Amino acid sequence: MSSPSPAEITARALLDAGAFLVRPEQPFRLTSGLLAPFYINCRQIIFHPEARGRIADAQAVAIDKALPGDSIEVVAGGVTAGVPFATMMADRLTLPLVYVRPEPKGHGLGAQIEGGDVAGRRVLLVEDLITTAGSILKFVGALRAAGATVEHVSVVFSRAGEAPLKALADAGLTLHALCTLDTLLAAARAAGRVDAAALADVRAFLADPEGWSRRRDADS
């Protein structure tokens, strides 16, 4: 039997940490305003040492294979959700670590990047997940403004559609995602974590998010 892939390891760890929530009868309100039958809470991972370690190992191995040699000189985490994963990545790759705020600090030195000088360094940005790519592009912009070379982004989970992926490509960024929703849904179904009816709701939402949300809003 072949060993599980990094994507499968990550999917199982997400499930073990309770980070994948499926609740069609009580849908989640997303930042976009839409209602959704599921929610990915990667912050839940950091509370679970075993799941956290499995994901960190998989993420570091995946990046080490994708970017050999001295392709990375510094690991950067986006505040706040990306910082724990960036820290674990930097530890495993034995690299310097910085973190990036969405905006410069309002007091003290007024810094947006903390930890060290990234000017002239090749920096890998690490985030927990990607949906719209807005925060990633903001963090990358700050790093580049500070003189860093940023060409790669590593995330634990990707829900990005065509538009966010195009935005990253247009910005000269390559996305390295450990796990996608298809892999997570397959793992959840195989483990008996999602029944057929709930899975059908998730698929219906993915096919037509606005329509699914509108129908749920009308029912509430």
N, C-alpha and C. Protein backbone atom coordinates (compact mmCIF):
# COMPACT_ATOMS: atom_id res chain seq x y z
N MET A 1 0.85 -1.19 0.00
CA MET A 1 0.00 0.00 0.00
C MET A 1 0.89 1.24 0.00
N SER A 2 0.56 2.20 -0.88
CA SER A 2 1.38 3.40 -0.98
C SER A 2 1.14 4.32 0.20
N SER A 3 2.15 5.12 0.51
CA SER A 3 2.03 6.07 1.61
C SER A 3 1.07 7.19 1.21
N PRO A 4 0.36 7.76 2.18
CA PRO A 4 -0.55 8.87 1.86
C PRO A 4 0.23 10.08 1.36
N SER A 5 -0.38 10.81 0.45
CA SER A 5 0.24 12.01 -0.09
C SER A 5 0.16 13.14 0.93
N PRO A 6 0.96 14.21 0.74
CA PRO A 6 0.84 15.37 1.64
C PRO A 6 -0.59 15.91 1.71
N ALA A 7 -1.30 15.89 0.58
CA ALA A 7 -2.69 16.37 0.57
C ALA A 7 -3.58 15.49 1.43
N GLU A 8 -3.39 14.17 1.34
CA GLU A 8 -4.19 13.26 2.15
C GLU A 8 -3.85 13.35 3.63
N ILE A 9 -2.56 13.50 3.94
CA ILE A 9 -2.14 13.69 5.32
C ILE A 9 -2.79 14.94 5.90
N THR A 10 -2.79 16.00 5.11
CA THR A 10 -3.36 17.27 5.57
C THR A 10 -4.86 17.16 5.75
N ALA A 11 -5.54 16.51 4.82
CA ALA A 11 -6.99 16.35 4.92
C ALA A 11 -7.35 15.59 6.19
N ARG A 12 -6.63 14.52 6.48
CA ARG A 12 -6.93 13.73 7.68
C ARG A 12 -6.64 14.53 8.95
N ALA A 13 -5.57 15.30 8.91
CA ALA A 13 -5.23 16.13 10.07
C ALA A 13 -6.28 17.21 10.29
N LEU A 14 -6.78 17.80 9.22
CA LEU A 14 -7.86 18.80 9.34
C LEU A 14 -9.10 18.17 9.97
N LEU A 15 -9.42 16.96 9.55
CA LEU A 15 -10.58 16.28 10.11
C LEU A 15 -10.35 15.94 11.59
N ASP A 16 -9.16 15.44 11.91
CA ASP A 16 -8.85 15.07 13.29
C ASP A 16 -8.87 16.28 14.22
N ALA A 17 -8.51 17.45 13.69
CA ALA A 17 -8.51 18.67 14.50
C ALA A 17 -9.88 19.33 14.58
N GLY A 18 -10.85 18.78 13.89
CA GLY A 18 -12.19 19.39 13.88
C GLY A 18 -12.23 20.69 13.11
N ALA A 19 -11.34 20.84 12.13
CA ALA A 19 -11.24 22.10 11.39
C ALA A 19 -12.22 22.18 10.22
N PHE A 20 -12.82 21.05 9.84
CA PHE A 20 -13.77 21.02 8.74
C PHE A 20 -15.17 20.87 9.32
N LEU A 21 -15.95 21.92 9.23
CA LEU A 21 -17.29 21.95 9.80
C LEU A 21 -18.32 21.95 8.68
N VAL A 22 -19.25 21.00 8.72
CA VAL A 22 -20.32 20.92 7.72
C VAL A 22 -21.64 21.01 8.45
N ARG A 23 -22.43 22.04 8.12
CA ARG A 23 -23.65 22.31 8.87
C ARG A 23 -24.70 22.96 7.96
N PRO A 24 -25.23 22.19 7.01
CA PRO A 24 -26.20 22.78 6.07
C PRO A 24 -27.43 23.36 6.76
N GLU A 25 -27.85 22.74 7.88
CA GLU A 25 -29.07 23.20 8.55
C GLU A 25 -28.85 24.50 9.32
N GLN A 26 -27.61 24.80 9.68
CA GLN A 26 -27.24 26.06 10.32
C GLN A 26 -26.03 26.64 9.60
N PRO A 27 -26.24 27.18 8.41
CA PRO A 27 -25.11 27.58 7.57
C PRO A 27 -24.29 28.71 8.17
N PHE A 28 -23.07 28.82 7.68
CA PHE A 28 -22.13 29.81 8.16
C PHE A 28 -22.20 31.06 7.28
N ARG A 29 -22.12 32.22 7.92
CA ARG A 29 -22.09 33.48 7.18
C ARG A 29 -20.62 33.80 6.87
N LEU A 30 -20.28 33.87 5.60
CA LEU A 30 -18.92 34.16 5.18
C LEU A 30 -18.66 35.66 5.14
N THR A 31 -17.38 36.04 5.03
CA THR A 31 -17.04 37.46 4.96
C THR A 31 -17.64 38.12 3.72
N SER A 32 -17.92 37.34 2.70
CA SER A 32 -18.56 37.86 1.49
C SER A 32 -20.03 38.19 1.72
N GLY A 33 -20.57 37.71 2.84
CA GLY A 33 -22.00 37.88 3.11
C GLY A 33 -22.83 36.68 2.74
N LEU A 34 -22.26 35.76 1.97
CA LEU A 34 -22.99 34.57 1.56
C LEU A 34 -23.10 33.57 2.72
N LEU A 35 -24.17 32.79 2.68
CA LEU A 35 -24.30 31.65 3.58
C LEU A 35 -23.68 30.43 2.91
N ALA A 36 -22.99 29.61 3.70
CA ALA A 36 -22.35 28.41 3.17
C ALA A 36 -22.61 27.23 4.10
N PRO A 37 -22.71 26.01 3.54
CA PRO A 37 -22.99 24.84 4.38
C PRO A 37 -21.76 24.29 5.10
N PHE A 38 -20.59 24.86 4.81
CA PHE A 38 -19.37 24.36 5.44
C PHE A 38 -18.42 25.52 5.75
N TYR A 39 -17.45 25.22 6.62
CA TYR A 39 -16.47 26.23 7.01
C TYR A 39 -15.16 25.52 7.33
N ILE A 40 -14.05 26.09 6.87
CA ILE A 40 -12.72 25.55 7.15
C ILE A 40 -12.07 26.47 8.19
N ASN A 41 -11.82 25.94 9.38
CA ASN A 41 -11.23 26.74 10.45
C ASN A 41 -9.82 26.22 10.74
N CYS A 42 -8.84 26.69 9.95
CA CYS A 42 -7.47 26.23 10.12
C CYS A 42 -6.89 26.63 11.47
N ARG A 43 -7.45 27.65 12.10
CA ARG A 43 -6.95 28.04 13.43
C ARG A 43 -7.14 26.94 14.46
N GLN A 44 -8.10 26.06 14.20
CA GLN A 44 -8.36 24.95 15.10
C GLN A 44 -7.16 24.00 15.16
N ILE A 45 -6.36 23.98 14.12
CA ILE A 45 -5.25 23.03 14.03
C ILE A 45 -4.24 23.26 15.14
N ILE A 46 -3.97 24.51 15.48
CA ILE A 46 -2.88 24.79 16.41
C ILE A 46 -3.16 24.27 17.81
N PHE A 47 -4.40 23.94 18.12
CA PHE A 47 -4.77 23.43 19.44
C PHE A 47 -4.49 21.93 19.56
N HIS A 48 -4.23 21.27 18.42
CA HIS A 48 -4.08 19.82 18.39
C HIS A 48 -2.66 19.46 17.98
N PRO A 49 -1.80 19.09 18.94
CA PRO A 49 -0.38 18.88 18.66
C PRO A 49 -0.10 17.86 17.56
N GLU A 50 -0.80 16.72 17.58
CA GLU A 50 -0.50 15.68 16.59
C GLU A 50 -0.88 16.14 15.19
N ALA A 51 -2.09 16.69 15.03
CA ALA A 51 -2.52 17.18 13.73
C ALA A 51 -1.63 18.33 13.27
N ARG A 52 -1.31 19.21 14.20
CA ARG A 52 -0.43 20.35 13.90
C ARG A 52 0.92 19.87 13.38
N GLY A 53 1.48 18.87 14.04
CA GLY A 53 2.79 18.37 13.63
C GLY A 53 2.76 17.70 12.28
N ARG A 54 1.70 16.93 12.02
CA ARG A 54 1.58 16.25 10.72
C ARG A 54 1.49 17.26 9.58
N ILE A 55 0.71 18.30 9.79
CA ILE A 55 0.57 19.32 8.75
C ILE A 55 1.87 20.08 8.55
N ALA A 56 2.52 20.45 9.64
CA ALA A 56 3.78 21.19 9.54
C ALA A 56 4.83 20.37 8.81
N ASP A 57 4.91 19.08 9.14
CA ASP A 57 5.88 18.21 8.46
C ASP A 57 5.59 18.13 6.97
N ALA A 58 4.31 17.92 6.64
CA ALA A 58 3.92 17.80 5.23
C ALA A 58 4.19 19.08 4.46
N GLN A 59 3.91 20.22 5.08
CA GLN A 59 4.12 21.50 4.42
C GLN A 59 5.60 21.75 4.18
N ALA A 60 6.43 21.44 5.16
CA ALA A 60 7.87 21.64 5.01
C ALA A 60 8.46 20.71 3.96
N VAL A 61 8.03 19.45 3.96
CA VAL A 61 8.52 18.50 2.96
C VAL A 61 8.12 18.93 1.56
N ALA A 62 6.86 19.36 1.39
CA ALA A 62 6.37 19.78 0.08
C ALA A 62 7.17 20.97 -0.45
N ILE A 63 7.45 21.93 0.40
CA ILE A 63 8.20 23.11 -0.02
C ILE A 63 9.66 22.76 -0.31
N ASP A 64 10.24 21.90 0.52
CA ASP A 64 11.63 21.50 0.31
C ASP A 64 11.79 20.80 -1.03
N LYS A 65 10.78 20.03 -1.45
CA LYS A 65 10.83 19.35 -2.74
C LYS A 65 10.59 20.32 -3.90
N ALA A 66 9.66 21.25 -3.69
CA ALA A 66 9.30 22.18 -4.77
C ALA A 66 10.35 23.26 -5.00
N LEU A 67 11.03 23.67 -3.92
CA LEU A 67 11.98 24.77 -4.01
C LEU A 67 13.33 24.32 -3.47
N PRO A 68 14.10 23.63 -4.28
CA PRO A 68 15.37 23.07 -3.80
C PRO A 68 16.45 24.13 -3.60
N GLY A 69 17.49 23.73 -2.88
CA GLY A 69 18.65 24.58 -2.71
C GLY A 69 18.36 25.83 -1.92
N ASP A 70 18.89 26.95 -2.41
CA ASP A 70 18.75 28.22 -1.69
C ASP A 70 17.64 29.07 -2.27
N SER A 71 16.54 28.44 -2.70
CA SER A 71 15.42 29.19 -3.29
C SER A 71 14.73 30.08 -2.27
N ILE A 72 14.83 29.73 -1.00
CA ILE A 72 14.22 30.51 0.08
C ILE A 72 15.30 30.89 1.08
N GLU A 73 15.28 32.14 1.50
CA GLU A 73 16.21 32.60 2.54
C GLU A 73 15.50 33.00 3.83
N VAL A 74 14.21 33.35 3.71
CA VAL A 74 13.43 33.78 4.86
C VAL A 74 12.00 33.26 4.70
N VAL A 75 11.38 32.86 5.81
CA VAL A 75 9.97 32.49 5.83
C VAL A 75 9.19 33.62 6.49
N ALA A 76 8.08 34.03 5.86
CA ALA A 76 7.24 35.10 6.41
C ALA A 76 5.84 34.58 6.66
N GLY A 77 5.27 34.95 7.81
CA GLY A 77 3.90 34.59 8.14
C GLY A 77 3.01 35.81 8.14
N GLY A 78 1.82 35.68 7.58
CA GLY A 78 0.86 36.78 7.60
C GLY A 78 0.10 36.79 8.91
N VAL A 79 -0.02 37.96 9.51
CA VAL A 79 -0.73 38.12 10.78
C VAL A 79 -2.24 38.02 10.52
N THR A 80 -2.96 37.22 11.32
CA THR A 80 -2.41 36.42 12.40
C THR A 80 -2.34 34.93 12.06
N ALA A 81 -3.24 34.48 11.22
CA ALA A 81 -3.42 33.04 11.03
C ALA A 81 -2.21 32.36 10.40
N GLY A 82 -1.44 33.09 9.62
CA GLY A 82 -0.30 32.47 8.97
C GLY A 82 0.92 32.30 9.86
N VAL A 83 0.97 33.04 10.96
CA VAL A 83 2.18 33.05 11.80
C VAL A 83 2.52 31.69 12.40
N PRO A 84 1.56 30.95 12.99
CA PRO A 84 1.93 29.64 13.54
C PRO A 84 2.49 28.69 12.49
N PHE A 85 1.90 28.68 11.30
CA PHE A 85 2.35 27.77 10.25
C PHE A 85 3.71 28.21 9.70
N ALA A 86 3.92 29.52 9.59
CA ALA A 86 5.22 30.01 9.16
C ALA A 86 6.30 29.67 10.18
N THR A 87 5.96 29.77 11.45
CA THR A 87 6.92 29.45 12.52
C THR A 87 7.34 27.99 12.44
N MET A 88 6.36 27.10 12.28
CA MET A 88 6.68 25.68 12.18
C MET A 88 7.49 25.37 10.92
N MET A 89 7.16 26.05 9.82
CA MET A 89 7.92 25.87 8.58
C MET A 89 9.36 26.32 8.76
N ALA A 90 9.55 27.51 9.34
CA ALA A 90 10.90 28.04 9.53
C ALA A 90 11.73 27.12 10.43
N ASP A 91 11.11 26.57 11.48
CA ASP A 91 11.81 25.65 12.36
C ASP A 91 12.28 24.41 11.61
N ARG A 92 11.40 23.85 10.82
CA ARG A 92 11.74 22.62 10.12
C ARG A 92 12.76 22.85 9.01
N LEU A 93 12.75 24.01 8.39
CA LEU A 93 13.70 24.31 7.32
C LEU A 93 14.94 25.05 7.83
N THR A 94 14.96 25.34 9.13
CA THR A 94 16.07 26.07 9.78
C THR A 94 16.35 27.38 9.05
N LEU A 95 15.31 28.19 8.93
CA LEU A 95 15.41 29.47 8.23
C LEU A 95 14.95 30.61 9.13
N PRO A 96 15.42 31.83 8.85
CA PRO A 96 14.93 32.99 9.58
C PRO A 96 13.42 33.17 9.37
N LEU A 97 12.80 33.82 10.35
CA LEU A 97 11.35 34.02 10.33
C LEU A 97 11.02 35.49 10.56
N VAL A 98 10.05 35.98 9.79
CA VAL A 98 9.46 37.31 10.04
C VAL A 98 7.95 37.16 9.98
N TYR A 99 7.26 38.18 10.52
CA TYR A 99 5.82 38.20 10.30
C TYR A 99 5.41 39.56 9.76
N VAL A 100 4.30 39.55 9.01
CA VAL A 100 3.85 40.74 8.28
C VAL A 100 2.45 41.12 8.72
N ARG A 101 2.28 42.40 9.10
CA ARG A 101 0.96 42.91 9.44
C ARG A 101 0.23 43.38 8.17
N PRO A 102 -1.10 43.40 8.21
CA PRO A 102 -1.84 43.95 7.06
C PRO A 102 -1.53 45.42 6.82
N GLU A 103 -1.27 46.15 7.92
CA GLU A 103 -0.95 47.58 7.85
C GLU A 103 0.22 47.87 8.79
N PRO A 104 0.96 48.96 8.55
CA PRO A 104 2.03 49.31 9.49
C PRO A 104 1.50 49.54 10.90
N LYS A 105 2.32 49.23 11.87
CA LYS A 105 1.97 49.41 13.28
C LYS A 105 1.69 50.89 13.55
N GLY A 106 0.68 51.15 14.37
CA GLY A 106 0.28 52.52 14.61
C GLY A 106 1.07 53.25 15.68
N HIS A 107 2.05 52.58 16.28
CA HIS A 107 2.86 53.23 17.31
C HIS A 107 4.26 52.62 17.30
N GLY A 108 5.10 53.05 18.21
CA GLY A 108 6.47 52.53 18.26
C GLY A 108 7.22 52.86 16.98
N LEU A 109 7.83 51.85 16.38
CA LEU A 109 8.61 52.05 15.15
C LEU A 109 7.73 52.12 13.90
N GLY A 110 6.45 51.83 14.05
CA GLY A 110 5.55 51.88 12.90
C GLY A 110 5.84 50.81 11.87
N ALA A 111 6.41 49.69 12.32
CA ALA A 111 6.82 48.64 11.38
C ALA A 111 5.64 47.81 10.90
N GLN A 112 5.73 47.34 9.67
CA GLN A 112 4.76 46.40 9.14
C GLN A 112 5.33 44.98 9.11
N ILE A 113 6.65 44.88 9.02
CA ILE A 113 7.33 43.59 9.02
C ILE A 113 8.20 43.51 10.27
N GLU A 114 8.02 42.45 11.03
CA GLU A 114 8.75 42.29 12.29
C GLU A 114 9.64 41.05 12.26
N GLY A 115 10.82 41.16 12.86
CA GLY A 115 11.68 40.01 13.00
C GLY A 115 13.05 40.19 12.40
N GLY A 116 13.15 40.97 11.33
CA GLY A 116 14.44 41.17 10.68
C GLY A 116 14.28 41.88 9.35
N ASP A 117 15.41 42.16 8.73
CA ASP A 117 15.45 42.89 7.46
C ASP A 117 15.33 41.90 6.30
N VAL A 118 14.33 42.08 5.45
CA VAL A 118 14.13 41.18 4.31
C VAL A 118 14.67 41.74 3.01
N ALA A 119 15.24 42.93 3.04
CA ALA A 119 15.74 43.55 1.82
C ALA A 119 16.79 42.66 1.16
N GLY A 120 16.58 42.40 -0.14
CA GLY A 120 17.53 41.58 -0.89
C GLY A 120 17.41 40.09 -0.63
N ARG A 121 16.44 39.67 0.15
CA ARG A 121 16.27 38.25 0.50
C ARG A 121 15.13 37.62 -0.31
N ARG A 122 15.25 36.33 -0.57
CA ARG A 122 14.17 35.56 -1.21
C ARG A 122 13.26 35.02 -0.11
N VAL A 123 12.02 35.47 -0.13
CA VAL A 123 11.10 35.22 0.97
C VAL A 123 9.94 34.34 0.52
N LEU A 124 9.61 33.34 1.33
CA LEU A 124 8.43 32.52 1.14
C LEU A 124 7.34 33.00 2.09
N LEU A 125 6.18 33.38 1.55
CA LEU A 125 5.04 33.76 2.39
C LEU A 125 4.23 32.52 2.72
N VAL A 126 3.90 32.35 4.00
CA VAL A 126 3.10 31.21 4.46
C VAL A 126 1.80 31.73 5.04
N GLU A 127 0.68 31.15 4.60
CA GLU A 127 -0.64 31.47 5.12
C GLU A 127 -1.39 30.18 5.46
N ASP A 128 -2.47 30.31 6.23
CA ASP A 128 -3.23 29.11 6.56
C ASP A 128 -4.07 28.66 5.38
N LEU A 129 -4.74 29.60 4.72
CA LEU A 129 -5.57 29.22 3.57
C LEU A 129 -5.70 30.39 2.61
N ILE A 130 -6.25 30.07 1.43
CA ILE A 130 -6.52 31.10 0.43
C ILE A 130 -7.95 30.94 -0.06
N THR A 131 -8.66 32.07 -0.11
CA THR A 131 -9.98 32.10 -0.72
C THR A 131 -9.99 33.15 -1.84
N THR A 132 -9.89 34.42 -1.47
CA THR A 132 -9.92 35.49 -2.48
C THR A 132 -8.54 35.97 -2.89
N ALA A 133 -7.51 35.67 -2.12
CA ALA A 133 -6.12 36.09 -2.36
C ALA A 133 -5.85 37.54 -1.95
N GLY A 134 -6.85 38.24 -1.44
CA GLY A 134 -6.67 39.64 -1.09
C GLY A 134 -5.61 39.86 -0.03
N SER A 135 -5.67 39.09 1.06
CA SER A 135 -4.69 39.29 2.14
C SER A 135 -3.30 38.87 1.69
N ILE A 136 -3.21 37.82 0.90
CA ILE A 136 -1.91 37.36 0.41
C ILE A 136 -1.25 38.45 -0.43
N LEU A 137 -2.00 39.05 -1.32
CA LEU A 137 -1.43 40.10 -2.17
C LEU A 137 -1.00 41.31 -1.34
N LYS A 138 -1.74 41.60 -0.28
CA LYS A 138 -1.37 42.71 0.59
C LYS A 138 -0.05 42.42 1.31
N PHE A 139 0.09 41.20 1.83
CA PHE A 139 1.33 40.83 2.52
C PHE A 139 2.52 40.83 1.55
N VAL A 140 2.30 40.28 0.37
CA VAL A 140 3.38 40.24 -0.62
C VAL A 140 3.79 41.65 -1.01
N GLY A 141 2.80 42.55 -1.15
CA GLY A 141 3.11 43.94 -1.48
C GLY A 141 3.99 44.60 -0.44
N ALA A 142 3.71 44.31 0.84
CA ALA A 142 4.52 44.88 1.92
C ALA A 142 5.94 44.33 1.90
N LEU A 143 6.07 43.03 1.66
CA LEU A 143 7.39 42.41 1.60
C LEU A 143 8.21 42.96 0.44
N ARG A 144 7.57 43.08 -0.71
CA ARG A 144 8.28 43.61 -1.89
C ARG A 144 8.65 45.07 -1.69
N ALA A 145 7.78 45.83 -1.04
CA ALA A 145 8.09 47.24 -0.78
C ALA A 145 9.30 47.36 0.14
N ALA A 146 9.52 46.34 0.97
CA ALA A 146 10.67 46.33 1.88
C ALA A 146 11.92 45.79 1.21
N GLY A 147 11.83 45.47 -0.09
CA GLY A 147 13.01 45.03 -0.83
C GLY A 147 13.16 43.54 -0.98
N ALA A 148 12.17 42.77 -0.53
CA ALA A 148 12.26 41.31 -0.64
C ALA A 148 11.85 40.85 -2.03
N THR A 149 12.38 39.70 -2.42
CA THR A 149 11.92 39.00 -3.62
C THR A 149 10.94 37.92 -3.18
N VAL A 150 9.70 38.02 -3.62
CA VAL A 150 8.67 37.06 -3.23
C VAL A 150 8.04 36.48 -4.49
N GLU A 151 8.24 35.20 -4.70
CA GLU A 151 7.72 34.53 -5.88
C GLU A 151 6.85 33.32 -5.54
N HIS A 152 6.85 32.92 -4.26
CA HIS A 152 6.14 31.71 -3.86
C HIS A 152 5.32 31.93 -2.60
N VAL A 153 4.16 31.28 -2.56
CA VAL A 153 3.27 31.33 -1.41
C VAL A 153 2.87 29.90 -1.06
N SER A 154 2.96 29.56 0.22
CA SER A 154 2.58 28.23 0.69
C SER A 154 1.38 28.35 1.61
N VAL A 155 0.34 27.55 1.35
CA VAL A 155 -0.85 27.55 2.20
C VAL A 155 -1.20 26.11 2.58
N VAL A 156 -1.83 25.97 3.73
CA VAL A 156 -2.30 24.65 4.16
C VAL A 156 -3.48 24.21 3.30
N PHE A 157 -4.40 25.15 3.04
CA PHE A 157 -5.63 24.78 2.37
C PHE A 157 -6.01 25.83 1.34
N SER A 158 -6.48 25.37 0.18
CA SER A 158 -6.90 26.29 -0.88
C SER A 158 -8.35 26.08 -1.25
N ARG A 159 -9.08 27.20 -1.22
CA ARG A 159 -10.43 27.24 -1.77
C ARG A 159 -10.49 28.23 -2.91
N ALA A 160 -9.34 28.54 -3.48
CA ALA A 160 -9.27 29.58 -4.50
C ALA A 160 -9.87 29.11 -5.82
N GLY A 161 -10.66 29.98 -6.42
CA GLY A 161 -11.19 29.72 -7.74
C GLY A 161 -10.30 30.33 -8.81
N GLU A 162 -10.83 30.45 -10.01
CA GLU A 162 -10.03 30.93 -11.14
C GLU A 162 -9.55 32.37 -10.94
N ALA A 163 -10.42 33.23 -10.43
CA ALA A 163 -10.06 34.66 -10.30
C ALA A 163 -8.89 34.86 -9.32
N PRO A 164 -8.93 34.30 -8.11
CA PRO A 164 -7.79 34.47 -7.21
C PRO A 164 -6.50 33.86 -7.76
N LEU A 165 -6.60 32.70 -8.39
CA LEU A 165 -5.40 32.08 -8.95
C LEU A 165 -4.81 32.94 -10.07
N LYS A 166 -5.66 33.56 -10.85
CA LYS A 166 -5.18 34.46 -11.91
C LYS A 166 -4.52 35.69 -11.29
N ALA A 167 -5.11 36.19 -10.19
CA ALA A 167 -4.53 37.36 -9.52
C ALA A 167 -3.13 37.04 -9.00
N LEU A 168 -2.93 35.85 -8.46
CA LEU A 168 -1.61 35.46 -8.00
C LEU A 168 -0.64 35.34 -9.17
N ALA A 169 -1.08 34.70 -10.24
CA ALA A 169 -0.22 34.54 -11.41
C ALA A 169 0.16 35.90 -12.00
N ASP A 170 -0.81 36.82 -12.05
CA ASP A 170 -0.54 38.16 -12.58
C ASP A 170 0.47 38.90 -11.71
N ALA A 171 0.51 38.55 -10.42
CA ALA A 171 1.45 39.18 -9.50
C ALA A 171 2.79 38.46 -9.47
N GLY A 172 2.97 37.47 -10.34
CA GLY A 172 4.23 36.75 -10.40
C GLY A 172 4.42 35.78 -9.25
N LEU A 173 3.32 35.21 -8.75
CA LEU A 173 3.38 34.31 -7.60
C LEU A 173 2.96 32.89 -7.97
N THR A 174 3.69 31.92 -7.44
CA THR A 174 3.33 30.51 -7.57
C THR A 174 2.75 30.04 -6.25
N LEU A 175 1.57 29.42 -6.33
CA LEU A 175 0.89 28.94 -5.12
C LEU A 175 1.24 27.47 -4.88
N HIS A 176 1.62 27.17 -3.64
CA HIS A 176 1.86 25.79 -3.20
C HIS A 176 0.82 25.47 -2.13
N ALA A 177 -0.20 24.72 -2.49
CA ALA A 177 -1.29 24.40 -1.57
C ALA A 177 -1.22 22.93 -1.18
N LEU A 178 -1.22 22.66 0.12
CA LEU A 178 -1.16 21.28 0.57
C LEU A 178 -2.43 20.51 0.25
N CYS A 179 -3.57 21.14 0.42
CA CYS A 179 -4.84 20.42 0.32
C CYS A 179 -5.90 21.31 -0.31
N THR A 180 -6.78 20.68 -1.09
CA THR A 180 -7.91 21.39 -1.68
C THR A 180 -9.22 20.77 -1.18
N LEU A 181 -10.31 21.42 -1.51
CA LEU A 181 -11.61 20.96 -1.02
C LEU A 181 -11.97 19.58 -1.55
N ASP A 182 -11.59 19.28 -2.78
CA ASP A 182 -11.90 17.95 -3.34
C ASP A 182 -11.26 16.85 -2.50
N THR A 183 -9.98 17.03 -2.14
CA THR A 183 -9.30 16.03 -1.32
C THR A 183 -9.93 15.93 0.06
N LEU A 184 -10.27 17.08 0.64
CA LEU A 184 -10.87 17.09 1.97
C LEU A 184 -12.23 16.42 1.97
N LEU A 185 -13.04 16.69 0.96
CA LEU A 185 -14.36 16.06 0.88
C LEU A 185 -14.25 14.55 0.72
N ALA A 186 -13.28 14.12 -0.10
CA ALA A 186 -13.09 12.67 -0.29
C ALA A 186 -12.67 12.01 1.01
N ALA A 187 -11.77 12.67 1.76
CA ALA A 187 -11.32 12.11 3.04
C ALA A 187 -12.45 12.10 4.05
N ALA A 188 -13.25 13.15 4.08
CA ALA A 188 -14.37 13.23 5.02
C ALA A 188 -15.41 12.15 4.73
N ARG A 189 -15.68 11.94 3.45
CA ARG A 189 -16.66 10.90 3.07
C ARG A 189 -16.12 9.52 3.42
N ALA A 190 -14.84 9.27 3.12
CA ALA A 190 -14.24 7.97 3.41
C ALA A 190 -14.21 7.67 4.90
N ALA A 191 -14.05 8.72 5.71
CA ALA A 191 -13.98 8.55 7.16
C ALA A 191 -15.35 8.58 7.82
N GLY A 192 -16.40 8.76 7.02
CA GLY A 192 -17.75 8.81 7.58
C GLY A 192 -18.05 10.09 8.31
N ARG A 193 -17.29 11.16 8.02
CA ARG A 193 -17.51 12.44 8.71
C ARG A 193 -18.61 13.28 8.05
N VAL A 194 -18.93 12.99 6.80
CA VAL A 194 -19.95 13.75 6.08
C VAL A 194 -20.89 12.76 5.41
N ASP A 195 -22.19 12.88 5.68
CA ASP A 195 -23.13 11.96 5.05
C ASP A 195 -23.49 12.45 3.65
N ALA A 196 -24.20 11.60 2.93
CA ALA A 196 -24.49 11.88 1.52
C ALA A 196 -25.31 13.16 1.36
N ALA A 197 -26.27 13.38 2.25
CA ALA A 197 -27.12 14.57 2.14
C ALA A 197 -26.31 15.85 2.35
N ALA A 198 -25.44 15.85 3.36
CA ALA A 198 -24.62 17.03 3.62
C ALA A 198 -23.65 17.26 2.47
N LEU A 199 -23.08 16.17 1.95
CA LEU A 199 -22.16 16.29 0.82
C LEU A 199 -22.87 16.88 -0.40
N ALA A 200 -24.12 16.49 -0.60
CA ALA A 200 -24.90 17.04 -1.71
C ALA A 200 -25.10 18.54 -1.54
N ASP A 201 -25.32 18.99 -0.29
CA ASP A 201 -25.46 20.43 -0.04
C ASP A 201 -24.15 21.16 -0.34
N VAL A 202 -23.04 20.58 0.06
CA VAL A 202 -21.74 21.21 -0.23
C VAL A 202 -21.53 21.33 -1.73
N ARG A 203 -21.81 20.26 -2.46
CA ARG A 203 -21.65 20.28 -3.91
C ARG A 203 -22.58 21.32 -4.55
N ALA A 204 -23.82 21.41 -4.04
CA ALA A 204 -24.77 22.38 -4.58
C ALA A 204 -24.28 23.81 -4.34
N PHE A 205 -23.71 24.04 -3.16
CA PHE A 205 -23.16 25.37 -2.87
C PHE A 205 -22.01 25.69 -3.81
N LEU A 206 -21.10 24.76 -4.01
CA LEU A 206 -19.94 25.01 -4.86
C LEU A 206 -20.35 25.27 -6.31
N ALA A 207 -21.44 24.62 -6.74
CA ALA A 207 -21.91 24.83 -8.11
C ALA A 207 -22.57 26.19 -8.29
N ASP A 208 -23.20 26.70 -7.22
CA ASP A 208 -23.92 27.97 -7.31
C ASP A 208 -23.98 28.63 -5.93
N PRO A 209 -22.87 29.23 -5.48
CA PRO A 209 -22.84 29.81 -4.13
C PRO A 209 -23.93 30.84 -3.88
N GLU A 210 -24.13 31.75 -4.85
CA GLU A 210 -25.12 32.81 -4.66
C GLU A 210 -26.52 32.23 -4.57
N GLY A 211 -26.82 31.28 -5.46
CA GLY A 211 -28.15 30.68 -5.45
C GLY A 211 -28.42 29.89 -4.18
N TRP A 212 -27.43 29.09 -3.74
CA TRP A 212 -27.60 28.31 -2.52
C TRP A 212 -27.82 29.23 -1.33
N SER A 213 -27.03 30.29 -1.24
CA SER A 213 -27.15 31.24 -0.14
C SER A 213 -28.49 31.96 -0.16
N ARG A 214 -28.93 32.34 -1.35
CA ARG A 214 -30.20 33.06 -1.47
C ARG A 214 -31.36 32.19 -1.00
N ARG A 215 -31.31 30.92 -1.37
CA ARG A 215 -32.39 30.00 -0.96
C ARG A 215 -32.38 29.82 0.54
N ARG A 216 -31.22 29.71 1.17
CA ARG A 216 -31.13 29.54 2.61
C ARG A 216 -31.58 30.81 3.33
N ASP A 217 -31.22 31.95 2.78
CA ASP A 217 -31.66 33.22 3.38
C ASP A 217 -33.18 33.33 3.35
N ALA A 218 -33.76 32.89 2.24
CA ALA A 218 -35.22 32.97 2.11
C ALA A 218 -35.92 32.02 3.08
N ASP A 219 -35.26 30.91 3.41
CA ASP A 219 -35.85 29.92 4.32
C ASP A 219 -35.74 30.35 5.79
N SER A 220 -34.83 31.26 6.08
CA SER A 220 -34.58 31.61 7.48
C SER A 220 -35.56 32.69 7.98
